[in-house]
């Protein structure tokens, strides 16, 4: 239940955009996927899994919300890539009708403070305190929330668990009441604005992060070289790009076994997502300094 009064129950159709912001690894992509009901944004335990903003669309009888999953705001790395990611966050909060600021229960530090400074004064903000399911002493939550409530006048403060789906209906209803009245922005069966090419690259990148863990260099990315639809078959050729020659063996593994495992897992996810067969061929290449190359980032879809 919300700790602050929720806005009045909506009686007319509403539609708008909500930006989900927070520091790295606070659960933004997990929250988006739970709200949408399927995976539209990749997740892993590695910081900065989300690099570009991903829009997930939720349509209900009372209204429609386009949720914008933003990258975790970066205060450590200083590459062109990280600056582009931070610009994505600042642009999203300025364009949204409302903001969900996600913080982790009982954990608040200078990274959260950096996000707090980004929140524009004229945009409604809901504070969602995530991961309450892992808090053993629930009595600690109220003092923690009490301190955060002094940050600004929040529309509502709602303890949630994105992983377990706890109080997400409460969160959605509160956000919907903040949306402007109007017709749907997207078709009723749309779940994301991302195209299949982008989703394929993200599926492969997620498997890299999940299956390599701390071995994976931060400056690793995925590009789709070709994406062809042949009847019901999607034929995809992709490149995993690393920054240094010595990083290739980490991704490829002994006799190519690691790369094969990564590609097979990604292909299965793609087939489930696209609802059809996928032929996936993956290579590993070296492109030094790609994370600081404006031309490379532009080709990958980052705003200049």
C-alpha atoms as a PDB file:
ATOM      1  CA  UNK A   1       0.000   0.000   0.000  1.00  0.00           C
ATOM      2  CA  UNK A   2       1.221   3.504  -0.809  1.00  0.00           C
ATOM      3  CA  UNK A   3       2.555   5.439   2.173  1.00  0.00           C
ATOM      4  CA  UNK A   4       1.233   8.682   0.713  1.00  0.00           C
ATOM      5  CA  UNK A   5      -2.259   9.292  -0.654  1.00  0.00           C
ATOM      6  CA  UNK A   6      -2.588   8.217  -4.269  1.00  0.00           C
ATOM      7  CA  UNK A   7      -4.205  10.594  -6.754  1.00  0.00           C
ATOM      8  CA  UNK A   8      -7.914  10.209  -7.435  1.00  0.00           C
ATOM      9  CA  UNK A   9      -9.029   7.112  -9.268  1.00  0.00           C
ATOM     10  CA  UNK A  10      -9.145   7.755 -13.006  1.00  0.00           C
ATOM     11  CA  UNK A  11     -12.512   7.644 -14.732  1.00  0.00           C
ATOM     12  CA  UNK A  12     -11.395   8.509 -18.272  1.00  0.00           C
ATOM     13  CA  UNK A  13      -8.775   7.054 -20.571  1.00  0.00           C
ATOM     14  CA  UNK A  14      -5.256   8.292 -19.945  1.00  0.00           C
ATOM     15  CA  UNK A  15      -2.002   7.811 -21.836  1.00  0.00           C
ATOM     16  CA  UNK A  16       1.540   9.045 -21.357  1.00  0.00           C
ATOM     17  CA  UNK A  17       5.201   8.271 -20.720  1.00  0.00           C
ATOM     18  CA  UNK A  18       6.929   7.367 -17.467  1.00  0.00           C
ATOM     19  CA  UNK A  19      10.720   7.323 -17.077  1.00  0.00           C
ATOM     20  CA  UNK A  20      12.191   4.718 -14.726  1.00  0.00           C
ATOM     21  CA  UNK A  21      15.425   6.064 -13.265  1.00  0.00           C
ATOM     22  CA  UNK A  22      17.913   4.946 -10.656  1.00  0.00           C
ATOM     23  CA  UNK A  23      21.518   4.047 -10.046  1.00  0.00           C
ATOM     24  CA  UNK A  24      23.051   0.939 -11.667  1.00  0.00           C
ATOM     25  CA  UNK A  25      21.760  -2.453 -10.517  1.00  0.00           C
ATOM     26  CA  UNK A  26      18.751  -1.155  -8.612  1.00  0.00           C
ATOM     27  CA  UNK A  27      16.279  -3.237 -10.649  1.00  0.00           C
ATOM     28  CA  UNK A  28      14.963  -0.877 -13.338  1.00  0.00           C
ATOM     29  CA  UNK A  29      14.900  -3.447 -16.153  1.00  0.00           C
ATOM     30  CA  UNK A  30      13.380  -6.097 -13.892  1.00  0.00           C
ATOM     31  CA  UNK A  31      10.630  -3.623 -12.981  1.00  0.00           C
ATOM     32  CA  UNK A  32       9.957  -2.793 -16.626  1.00  0.00           C
ATOM     33  CA  UNK A  33       9.737  -6.458 -17.617  1.00  0.00           C
ATOM     34  CA  UNK A  34       7.373  -7.216 -14.730  1.00  0.00           C
ATOM     35  CA  UNK A  35       5.087  -4.338 -15.653  1.00  0.00           C
ATOM     36  CA  UNK A  36       5.005  -5.311 -19.335  1.00  0.00           C
ATOM     37  CA  UNK A  37       4.614  -9.002 -18.575  1.00  0.00           C
ATOM     38  CA  UNK A  38       7.478 -10.193 -20.772  1.00  0.00           C
ATOM     39  CA  UNK A  39      11.169  -9.481 -21.274  1.00  0.00           C
ATOM     40  CA  UNK A  40      11.712  -6.337 -23.315  1.00  0.00           C
ATOM     41  CA  UNK A  41      14.809  -5.130 -21.439  1.00  0.00           C
ATOM     42  CA  UNK A  42      17.784  -7.357 -20.668  1.00  0.00           C
ATOM     43  CA  UNK A  43      18.928  -8.000 -17.113  1.00  0.00           C
ATOM     44  CA  UNK A  44      22.046  -9.271 -15.370  1.00  0.00           C
ATOM     45  CA  UNK A  45      23.961  -8.761 -12.149  1.00  0.00           C
ATOM     46  CA  UNK A  46      26.606  -6.776 -14.017  1.00  0.00           C
ATOM     47  CA  UNK A  47      26.430  -3.007 -13.672  1.00  0.00           C
ATOM     48  CA  UNK A  48      25.392  -1.005 -16.734  1.00  0.00           C
ATOM     49  CA  UNK A  49      23.630  -3.883 -18.476  1.00  0.00           C
ATOM     50  CA  UNK A  50      21.163  -1.380 -19.930  1.00  0.00           C
ATOM     51  CA  UNK A  51      22.994   1.020 -22.248  1.00  0.00           C
ATOM     52  CA  UNK A  52      20.199   2.529 -24.313  1.00  0.00           C
ATOM     53  CA  UNK A  53      16.752   3.497 -23.208  1.00  0.00           C
ATOM     54  CA  UNK A  54      14.152   0.818 -23.860  1.00  0.00           C
ATOM     55  CA  UNK A  55      10.433   1.548 -24.023  1.00  0.00           C
ATOM     56  CA  UNK A  56       7.957  -1.015 -22.754  1.00  0.00           C
ATOM     57  CA  UNK A  57       4.236  -0.459 -23.324  1.00  0.00           C
ATOM     58  CA  UNK A  58       1.475  -1.472 -20.908  1.00  0.00           C
ATOM     59  CA  UNK A  59      -2.121  -1.174 -22.070  1.00  0.00           C
ATOM     60  CA  UNK A  60      -5.072  -1.611 -19.722  1.00  0.00           C
ATOM     61  CA  UNK A  61      -8.743  -0.620 -20.042  1.00  0.00           C
ATOM     62  CA  UNK A  62      -8.222   2.598 -18.081  1.00  0.00           C
ATOM     63  CA  UNK A  63      -5.171   3.738 -20.032  1.00  0.00           C
ATOM     64  CA  UNK A  64      -1.766   3.144 -21.528  1.00  0.00           C
ATOM     65  CA  UNK A  65       1.728   3.917 -20.225  1.00  0.00           C
ATOM     66  CA  UNK A  66       4.963   3.870 -22.197  1.00  0.00           C
ATOM     67  CA  UNK A  67       7.644   3.020 -19.628  1.00  0.00           C
ATOM     68  CA  UNK A  68      11.151   4.193 -20.483  1.00  0.00           C
ATOM     69  CA  UNK A  69      13.866   2.024 -18.938  1.00  0.00           C
ATOM     70  CA  UNK A  70      16.949   4.231 -18.708  1.00  0.00           C
ATOM     71  CA  UNK A  71      20.586   3.226 -18.181  1.00  0.00           C
ATOM     72  CA  UNK A  72      21.849   3.402 -14.626  1.00  0.00           C
ATOM     73  CA  UNK A  73      23.256   6.898 -14.164  1.00  0.00           C
ATOM     74  CA  UNK A  74      27.030   6.537 -14.353  1.00  0.00           C
ATOM     75  CA  UNK A  75      29.360   8.469 -12.072  1.00  0.00           C
ATOM     76  CA  UNK A  76      32.503   6.337 -12.476  1.00  0.00           C
ATOM     77  CA  UNK A  77      33.342   5.689 -16.135  1.00  0.00           C
ATOM     78  CA  UNK A  78      34.068   8.681 -18.353  1.00  0.00           C
ATOM     79  CA  UNK A  79      34.009   7.249 -21.883  1.00  0.00           C
ATOM     80  CA  UNK A  80      31.986   8.641 -24.785  1.00  0.00           C
ATOM     81  CA  UNK A  81      29.676   5.651 -24.301  1.00  0.00           C
ATOM     82  CA  UNK A  82      29.004   6.550 -20.667  1.00  0.00           C
ATOM     83  CA  UNK A  83      28.388  10.184 -21.500  1.00  0.00           C
ATOM     84  CA  UNK A  84      25.882   9.073 -24.155  1.00  0.00           C
ATOM     85  CA  UNK A  85      24.178   6.837 -21.587  1.00  0.00           C
ATOM     86  CA  UNK A  86      23.927   9.677 -19.086  1.00  0.00           C
ATOM     87  CA  UNK A  87      22.459  11.948 -21.763  1.00  0.00           C
ATOM     88  CA  UNK A  88      19.823   9.287 -22.347  1.00  0.00           C
ATOM     89  CA  UNK A  89      18.829   9.503 -18.680  1.00  0.00           C
ATOM     90  CA  UNK A  90      18.620  13.296 -18.595  1.00  0.00           C
ATOM     91  CA  UNK A  91      16.648  13.417 -21.859  1.00  0.00           C
ATOM     92  CA  UNK A  92      14.183  10.778 -20.644  1.00  0.00           C
ATOM     93  CA  UNK A  93      13.337  12.558 -17.407  1.00  0.00           C
ATOM     94  CA  UNK A  94      12.728  15.784 -19.289  1.00  0.00           C
ATOM     95  CA  UNK A  95      10.399  14.164 -21.828  1.00  0.00           C
ATOM     96  CA  UNK A  96       8.327  12.025 -19.427  1.00  0.00           C
ATOM     97  CA  UNK A  97       4.967  12.955 -17.937  1.00  0.00           C
ATOM     98  CA  UNK A  98       6.077  11.378 -14.655  1.00  0.00           C
ATOM     99  CA  UNK A  99       9.119   9.660 -13.164  1.00  0.00           C
ATOM    100  CA  UNK A 100       9.559   6.532 -11.083  1.00  0.00           C
ATOM    101  CA  UNK A 101      12.720   6.909  -9.027  1.00  0.00           C
ATOM    102  CA  UNK A 102      13.808   3.439  -7.988  1.00  0.00           C
ATOM    103  CA  UNK A 103      16.019   3.000  -4.935  1.00  0.00           C
ATOM    104  CA  UNK A 104      17.048  -0.182  -3.173  1.00  0.00           C
ATOM    105  CA  UNK A 105      15.596  -0.776   0.266  1.00  0.00           C
ATOM    106  CA  UNK A 106      18.032   0.160   3.063  1.00  0.00           C
ATOM    107  CA  UNK A 107      20.759   1.039   0.538  1.00  0.00           C
ATOM    108  CA  UNK A 108      21.302   4.654  -0.418  1.00  0.00           C
ATOM    109  CA  UNK A 109      24.603   6.289  -1.355  1.00  0.00           C
ATOM    110  CA  UNK A 110      26.212   8.980  -3.494  1.00  0.00           C
ATOM    111  CA  UNK A 111      25.093   7.210  -6.684  1.00  0.00           C
ATOM    112  CA  UNK A 112      21.466   7.681  -5.633  1.00  0.00           C
ATOM    113  CA  UNK A 113      22.239  11.281  -4.732  1.00  0.00           C
ATOM    114  CA  UNK A 114      23.498  11.844  -8.289  1.00  0.00           C
ATOM    115  CA  UNK A 115      20.171  10.580  -9.654  1.00  0.00           C
ATOM    116  CA  UNK A 116      18.213  12.735  -7.196  1.00  0.00           C
ATOM    117  CA  UNK A 117      19.922  15.822  -8.604  1.00  0.00           C
ATOM    118  CA  UNK A 118      18.646  14.930 -12.092  1.00  0.00           C
ATOM    119  CA  UNK A 119      14.981  14.939 -11.124  1.00  0.00           C
ATOM    120  CA  UNK A 120      13.368  18.055 -12.646  1.00  0.00           C
ATOM    121  CA  UNK A 121      11.318  20.159 -10.219  1.00  0.00           C
ATOM    122  CA  UNK A 122       8.225  20.364 -12.425  1.00  0.00           C
ATOM    123  CA  UNK A 123       7.724  16.655 -13.136  1.00  0.00           C
ATOM    124  CA  UNK A 124       5.743  14.380 -10.763  1.00  0.00           C
ATOM    125  CA  UNK A 125       7.978  11.793  -9.089  1.00  0.00           C
ATOM    126  CA  UNK A 126       6.971   8.526  -7.468  1.00  0.00           C
ATOM    127  CA  UNK A 127       9.567   7.006  -5.144  1.00  0.00           C
ATOM    128  CA  UNK A 128       9.573   3.208  -5.456  1.00  0.00           C
ATOM    129  CA  UNK A 129      11.601   1.425  -2.788  1.00  0.00           C
ATOM    130  CA  UNK A 130      12.628  -1.852  -4.398  1.00  0.00           C
ATOM    131  CA  UNK A 131      13.750  -5.272  -3.120  1.00  0.00           C
ATOM    132  CA  UNK A 132      11.632  -5.189   0.017  1.00  0.00           C
ATOM    133  CA  UNK A 133      11.338  -8.971  -0.266  1.00  0.00           C
ATOM    134  CA  UNK A 134      14.962  -9.409   0.828  1.00  0.00           C
ATOM    135  CA  UNK A 135      14.683  -7.128   3.860  1.00  0.00           C
ATOM    136  CA  UNK A 136      14.557  -9.386   6.914  1.00  0.00           C
ATOM    137  CA  UNK A 137      13.660  -6.722   9.461  1.00  0.00           C
ATOM    138  CA  UNK A 138      10.737  -4.851   7.899  1.00  0.00           C
ATOM    139  CA  UNK A 139      10.798  -2.447  10.844  1.00  0.00           C
ATOM    140  CA  UNK A 140      13.838  -0.817   9.250  1.00  0.00           C
ATOM    141  CA  UNK A 141      11.852   0.240   6.199  1.00  0.00           C
ATOM    142  CA  UNK A 142       9.833   3.050   7.780  1.00  0.00           C
ATOM    143  CA  UNK A 143      12.859   5.012   9.120  1.00  0.00           C
ATOM    144  CA  UNK A 144      14.614   4.525   5.756  1.00  0.00           C
ATOM    145  CA  UNK A 145      11.569   5.766   3.832  1.00  0.00           C
ATOM    146  CA  UNK A 146      11.129   8.619   6.300  1.00  0.00           C
ATOM    147  CA  UNK A 147      14.597   9.971   5.484  1.00  0.00           C
ATOM    148  CA  UNK A 148      14.006   9.682   1.752  1.00  0.00           C
ATOM    149  CA  UNK A 149      10.660  11.467   2.034  1.00  0.00           C
ATOM    150  CA  UNK A 150      12.560  14.615   2.976  1.00  0.00           C
ATOM    151  CA  UNK A 151      14.189  14.755  -0.478  1.00  0.00           C
ATOM    152  CA  UNK A 152      11.177  16.364  -2.153  1.00  0.00           C
ATOM    153  CA  UNK A 153       7.367  16.270  -2.318  1.00  0.00           C
ATOM    154  CA  UNK A 154       6.761  12.866  -3.878  1.00  0.00           C
ATOM    155  CA  UNK A 155       3.410  11.992  -5.437  1.00  0.00           C
ATOM    156  CA  UNK A 156       3.636   8.689  -3.578  1.00  0.00           C
ATOM    157  CA  UNK A 157       6.174   6.453  -1.875  1.00  0.00           C
ATOM    158  CA  UNK A 158       5.544   2.796  -2.642  1.00  0.00           C
ATOM    159  CA  UNK A 159       7.612  -0.144  -1.322  1.00  0.00           C
ATOM    160  CA  UNK A 160       7.813  -2.794  -4.053  1.00  0.00           C
ATOM    161  CA  UNK A 161       9.574  -5.931  -5.171  1.00  0.00           C
ATOM    162  CA  UNK A 162      10.109  -5.936  -8.930  1.00  0.00           C
ATOM    163  CA  UNK A 163      11.441  -9.498  -8.786  1.00  0.00           C
ATOM    164  CA  UNK A 164       8.397 -10.835  -6.896  1.00  0.00           C
ATOM    165  CA  UNK A 165       5.772  -8.493  -8.370  1.00  0.00           C
ATOM    166  CA  UNK A 166       4.842  -7.054  -4.973  1.00  0.00           C
ATOM    167  CA  UNK A 167       2.666  -3.902  -5.073  1.00  0.00           C
ATOM    168  CA  UNK A 168       3.232  -3.293  -8.766  1.00  0.00           C
ATOM    169  CA  UNK A 169      -0.497  -2.875  -9.423  1.00  0.00           C
ATOM    170  CA  UNK A 170      -0.483  -0.119  -6.806  1.00  0.00           C
ATOM    171  CA  UNK A 171       2.490   1.459  -8.546  1.00  0.00           C
ATOM    172  CA  UNK A 172       0.875   1.261 -11.984  1.00  0.00           C
ATOM    173  CA  UNK A 173      -2.445   2.738 -10.829  1.00  0.00           C
ATOM    174  CA  UNK A 174      -0.652   5.637  -9.145  1.00  0.00           C
ATOM    175  CA  UNK A 175       1.351   6.359 -12.286  1.00  0.00           C
ATOM    176  CA  UNK A 176      -1.683   6.094 -14.558  1.00  0.00           C
ATOM    177  CA  UNK A 177      -3.541   8.702 -12.517  1.00  0.00           C
ATOM    178  CA  UNK A 178      -0.709  11.124 -13.310  1.00  0.00           C
ATOM    179  CA  UNK A 179      -0.972  10.651 -17.072  1.00  0.00           C
ATOM    180  CA  UNK A 180      -2.835  13.186 -19.229  1.00  0.00           C
ATOM    181  CA  UNK A 181      -6.263  12.295 -20.582  1.00  0.00           C
ATOM    182  CA  UNK A 182      -6.164  11.100 -24.156  1.00  0.00           C
ATOM    183  CA  UNK A 183      -6.297   8.160 -26.573  1.00  0.00           C
ATOM    184  CA  UNK A 184      -3.675   5.380 -26.628  1.00  0.00           C
ATOM    185  CA  UNK A 185      -0.290   6.308 -28.076  1.00  0.00           C
ATOM    186  CA  UNK A 186       0.321   2.790 -29.416  1.00  0.00           C
ATOM    187  CA  UNK A 187      -1.675  -0.209 -30.611  1.00  0.00           C
ATOM    188  CA  UNK A 188      -3.209  -2.325 -27.868  1.00  0.00           C
ATOM    189  CA  UNK A 189      -0.967  -5.322 -28.606  1.00  0.00           C
ATOM    190  CA  UNK A 190       2.315  -3.338 -28.793  1.00  0.00           C
ATOM    191  CA  UNK A 191       4.744  -4.144 -25.963  1.00  0.00           C
ATOM    192  CA  UNK A 192       7.823  -2.186 -27.070  1.00  0.00           C
ATOM    193  CA  UNK A 193       8.983   0.384 -29.587  1.00  0.00           C
ATOM    194  CA  UNK A 194      12.242  -1.499 -30.181  1.00  0.00           C
ATOM    195  CA  UNK A 195      12.705  -3.288 -33.510  1.00  0.00           C
ATOM    196  CA  UNK A 196      13.731  -6.930 -33.840  1.00  0.00           C
ATOM    197  CA  UNK A 197      17.286  -6.061 -34.866  1.00  0.00           C
ATOM    198  CA  UNK A 198      17.812  -4.180 -31.587  1.00  0.00           C
ATOM    199  CA  UNK A 199      16.138  -6.929 -29.551  1.00  0.00           C
ATOM    200  CA  UNK A 200      18.370  -9.581 -31.144  1.00  0.00           C
ATOM    201  CA  UNK A 201      21.515  -7.643 -30.255  1.00  0.00           C
ATOM    202  CA  UNK A 202      20.299  -7.162 -26.689  1.00  0.00           C
ATOM    203  CA  UNK A 203      19.450 -10.868 -26.297  1.00  0.00           C
ATOM    204  CA  UNK A 204      22.984 -11.804 -27.299  1.00  0.00           C
ATOM    205  CA  UNK A 205      24.530  -9.144 -25.073  1.00  0.00           C
ATOM    206  CA  UNK A 206      22.516 -10.381 -22.098  1.00  0.00           C
ATOM    207  CA  UNK A 207      23.925 -13.884 -22.521  1.00  0.00           C
ATOM    208  CA  UNK A 208      27.432 -12.447 -22.647  1.00  0.00           C
ATOM    209  CA  UNK A 209      26.863 -10.722 -19.334  1.00  0.00           C
ATOM    210  CA  UNK A 210      25.128 -13.654 -17.707  1.00  0.00           C
ATOM    211  CA  UNK A 211      27.475 -16.432 -18.857  1.00  0.00           C
ATOM    212  CA  UNK A 212      30.784 -14.619 -18.523  1.00  0.00           C
ATOM    213  CA  UNK A 213      30.072 -12.570 -15.398  1.00  0.00           C
ATOM    214  CA  UNK A 214      33.110 -10.772 -13.999  1.00  0.00           C
ATOM    215  CA  UNK A 215      35.299 -12.220 -16.753  1.00  0.00           C
ATOM    216  CA  UNK A 216      33.559 -10.035 -19.305  1.00  0.00           C
ATOM    217  CA  UNK A 217      35.333  -6.743 -20.018  1.00  0.00           C
ATOM    218  CA  UNK A 218      33.106  -3.685 -19.654  1.00  0.00           C
ATOM    219  CA  UNK A 219      34.036  -2.525 -23.160  1.00  0.00           C
ATOM    220  CA  UNK A 220      32.248  -5.375 -24.903  1.00  0.00           C
ATOM    221  CA  UNK A 221      29.268  -4.894 -27.182  1.00  0.00           C
ATOM    222  CA  UNK A 222      27.168  -6.598 -29.857  1.00  0.00           C
ATOM    223  CA  UNK A 223      26.343  -5.436 -33.360  1.00  0.00           C
ATOM    224  CA  UNK A 224      23.970  -7.084 -35.828  1.00  0.00           C
ATOM    225  CA  UNK A 225      25.739  -7.314 -39.197  1.00  0.00           C
ATOM    226  CA  UNK A 226      22.789  -8.728 -41.144  1.00  0.00           C
ATOM    227  CA  UNK A 227      19.177  -9.530 -40.226  1.00  0.00           C
ATOM    228  CA  UNK A 228      17.106 -11.219 -42.912  1.00  0.00           C
ATOM    229  CA  UNK A 229      13.606 -12.636 -42.758  1.00  0.00           C
ATOM    230  CA  UNK A 230      13.255 -15.710 -44.970  1.00  0.00           C
ATOM    231  CA  UNK A 231       9.669 -16.848 -44.626  1.00  0.00           C
ATOM    232  CA  UNK A 232       9.268 -17.768 -40.962  1.00  0.00           C
ATOM    233  CA  UNK A 233      13.050 -17.992 -40.457  1.00  0.00           C
ATOM    234  CA  UNK A 234      15.159 -15.115 -39.192  1.00  0.00           C
ATOM    235  CA  UNK A 235      18.750 -15.364 -40.391  1.00  0.00           C
ATOM    236  CA  UNK A 236      21.000 -13.285 -38.181  1.00  0.00           C
ATOM    237  CA  UNK A 237      24.745 -12.644 -38.355  1.00  0.00           C
ATOM    238  CA  UNK A 238      26.136 -10.845 -35.308  1.00  0.00           C
ATOM    239  CA  UNK A 239      29.498  -9.610 -34.075  1.00  0.00           C
ATOM    240  CA  UNK A 240      30.657  -9.477 -30.485  1.00  0.00           C
ATOM    241  CA  UNK A 241      33.082  -6.581 -30.301  1.00  0.00           C
ATOM    242  CA  UNK A 242      35.862  -6.428 -27.720  1.00  0.00           C
ATOM    243  CA  UNK A 243      38.387  -3.685 -27.125  1.00  0.00           C
ATOM    244  CA  UNK A 244      41.612  -5.735 -27.016  1.00  0.00           C
ATOM    245  CA  UNK A 245      42.992  -8.808 -28.778  1.00  0.00           C
ATOM    246  CA  UNK A 246      43.584 -10.544 -25.461  1.00  0.00           C
ATOM    247  CA  UNK A 247      39.869 -10.378 -24.667  1.00  0.00           C
ATOM    248  CA  UNK A 248      38.814 -12.580 -27.579  1.00  0.00           C
ATOM    249  CA  UNK A 249      39.768 -15.882 -25.888  1.00  0.00           C
ATOM    250  CA  UNK A 250      37.578 -14.957 -22.891  1.00  0.00           C
ATOM    251  CA  UNK A 251      34.506 -14.821 -25.122  1.00  0.00           C
ATOM    252  CA  UNK A 252      35.422 -17.722 -27.423  1.00  0.00           C
ATOM    253  CA  UNK A 253      36.576 -20.155 -24.753  1.00  0.00           C
ATOM    254  CA  UNK A 254      38.438 -23.443 -25.197  1.00  0.00           C
ATOM    255  CA  UNK A 255      37.777 -24.835 -28.672  1.00  0.00           C
ATOM    256  CA  UNK A 256      35.020 -22.272 -29.114  1.00  0.00           C
ATOM    257  CA  UNK A 257      32.789 -23.871 -26.489  1.00  0.00           C
ATOM    258  CA  UNK A 258      32.003 -20.690 -24.562  1.00  0.00           C
ATOM    259  CA  UNK A 259      30.960 -18.809 -27.695  1.00  0.00           C
ATOM    260  CA  UNK A 260      28.785 -21.719 -28.792  1.00  0.00           C
ATOM    261  CA  UNK A 261      27.051 -21.794 -25.398  1.00  0.00           C
ATOM    262  CA  UNK A 262      26.437 -18.036 -25.514  1.00  0.00           C
ATOM    263  CA  UNK A 263      25.082 -18.142 -29.063  1.00  0.00           C
ATOM    264  CA  UNK A 264      22.818 -21.136 -28.380  1.00  0.00           C
ATOM    265  CA  UNK A 265      21.301 -19.504 -25.296  1.00  0.00           C
ATOM    266  CA  UNK A 266      20.739 -16.249 -27.185  1.00  0.00           C
ATOM    267  CA  UNK A 267      19.138 -18.055 -30.126  1.00  0.00           C
ATOM    268  CA  UNK A 268      16.641 -19.787 -27.839  1.00  0.00           C
ATOM    269  CA  UNK A 269      15.658 -16.453 -26.302  1.00  0.00           C
ATOM    270  CA  UNK A 270      15.260 -14.893 -29.748  1.00  0.00           C
ATOM    271  CA  UNK A 271      13.038 -17.732 -30.929  1.00  0.00           C
ATOM    272  CA  UNK A 272      10.803 -17.332 -27.888  1.00  0.00           C
ATOM    273  CA  UNK A 273      10.664 -13.563 -28.319  1.00  0.00           C
ATOM    274  CA  UNK A 274      10.058 -13.584 -32.084  1.00  0.00           C
ATOM    275  CA  UNK A 275       7.837 -16.654 -32.132  1.00  0.00           C
ATOM    276  CA  UNK A 276       9.767 -18.382 -34.917  1.00  0.00           C
ATOM    277  CA  UNK A 277      12.972 -20.170 -35.889  1.00  0.00           C
ATOM    278  CA  UNK A 278      16.264 -18.287 -35.798  1.00  0.00           C
ATOM    279  CA  UNK A 279      19.560 -19.073 -37.506  1.00  0.00           C
ATOM    280  CA  UNK A 280      22.261 -17.242 -35.580  1.00  0.00           C
ATOM    281  CA  UNK A 281      25.913 -16.990 -36.529  1.00  0.00           C
ATOM    282  CA  UNK A 282      28.234 -15.107 -34.183  1.00  0.00           C
ATOM    283  CA  UNK A 283      31.829 -13.981 -34.557  1.00  0.00           C
ATOM    284  CA  UNK A 284      34.171 -12.113 -32.209  1.00  0.00           C
ATOM    285  CA  UNK A 285      36.176  -9.138 -33.439  1.00  0.00           C
ATOM    286  CA  UNK A 286      38.489  -6.499 -31.990  1.00  0.00           C
ATOM    287  CA  UNK A 287      37.719  -2.818 -32.414  1.00  0.00           C
ATOM    288  CA  UNK A 288      40.019  -0.757 -30.246  1.00  0.00           C
ATOM    289  CA  UNK A 289      38.481   2.265 -28.563  1.00  0.00           C
ATOM    290  CA  UNK A 290      34.957   1.616 -29.823  1.00  0.00           C
ATOM    291  CA  UNK A 291      33.431   3.010 -26.596  1.00  0.00           C
ATOM    292  CA  UNK A 292      35.074   6.365 -27.347  1.00  0.00           C
ATOM    293  CA  UNK A 293      34.210   6.420 -31.043  1.00  0.00           C
ATOM    294  CA  UNK A 294      31.328   8.777 -31.813  1.00  0.00           C
ATOM    295  CA  UNK A 295      30.920   7.219 -35.282  1.00  0.00           C
ATOM    296  CA  UNK A 296      30.659   3.692 -33.872  1.00  0.00           C
ATOM    297  CA  UNK A 297      28.179   4.747 -31.206  1.00  0.00           C
ATOM    298  CA  UNK A 298      26.043   6.567 -33.759  1.00  0.00           C
ATOM    299  CA  UNK A 299      25.923   3.442 -35.923  1.00  0.00           C
ATOM    300  CA  UNK A 300      24.820   1.485 -32.851  1.00  0.00           C
ATOM    301  CA  UNK A 301      21.918   3.874 -32.315  1.00  0.00           C
ATOM    302  CA  UNK A 302      23.236   6.165 -29.584  1.00  0.00           C
ATOM    303  CA  UNK A 303      22.257   9.810 -29.765  1.00  0.00           C
ATOM    304  CA  UNK A 304      25.089  12.121 -30.678  1.00  0.00           C
END
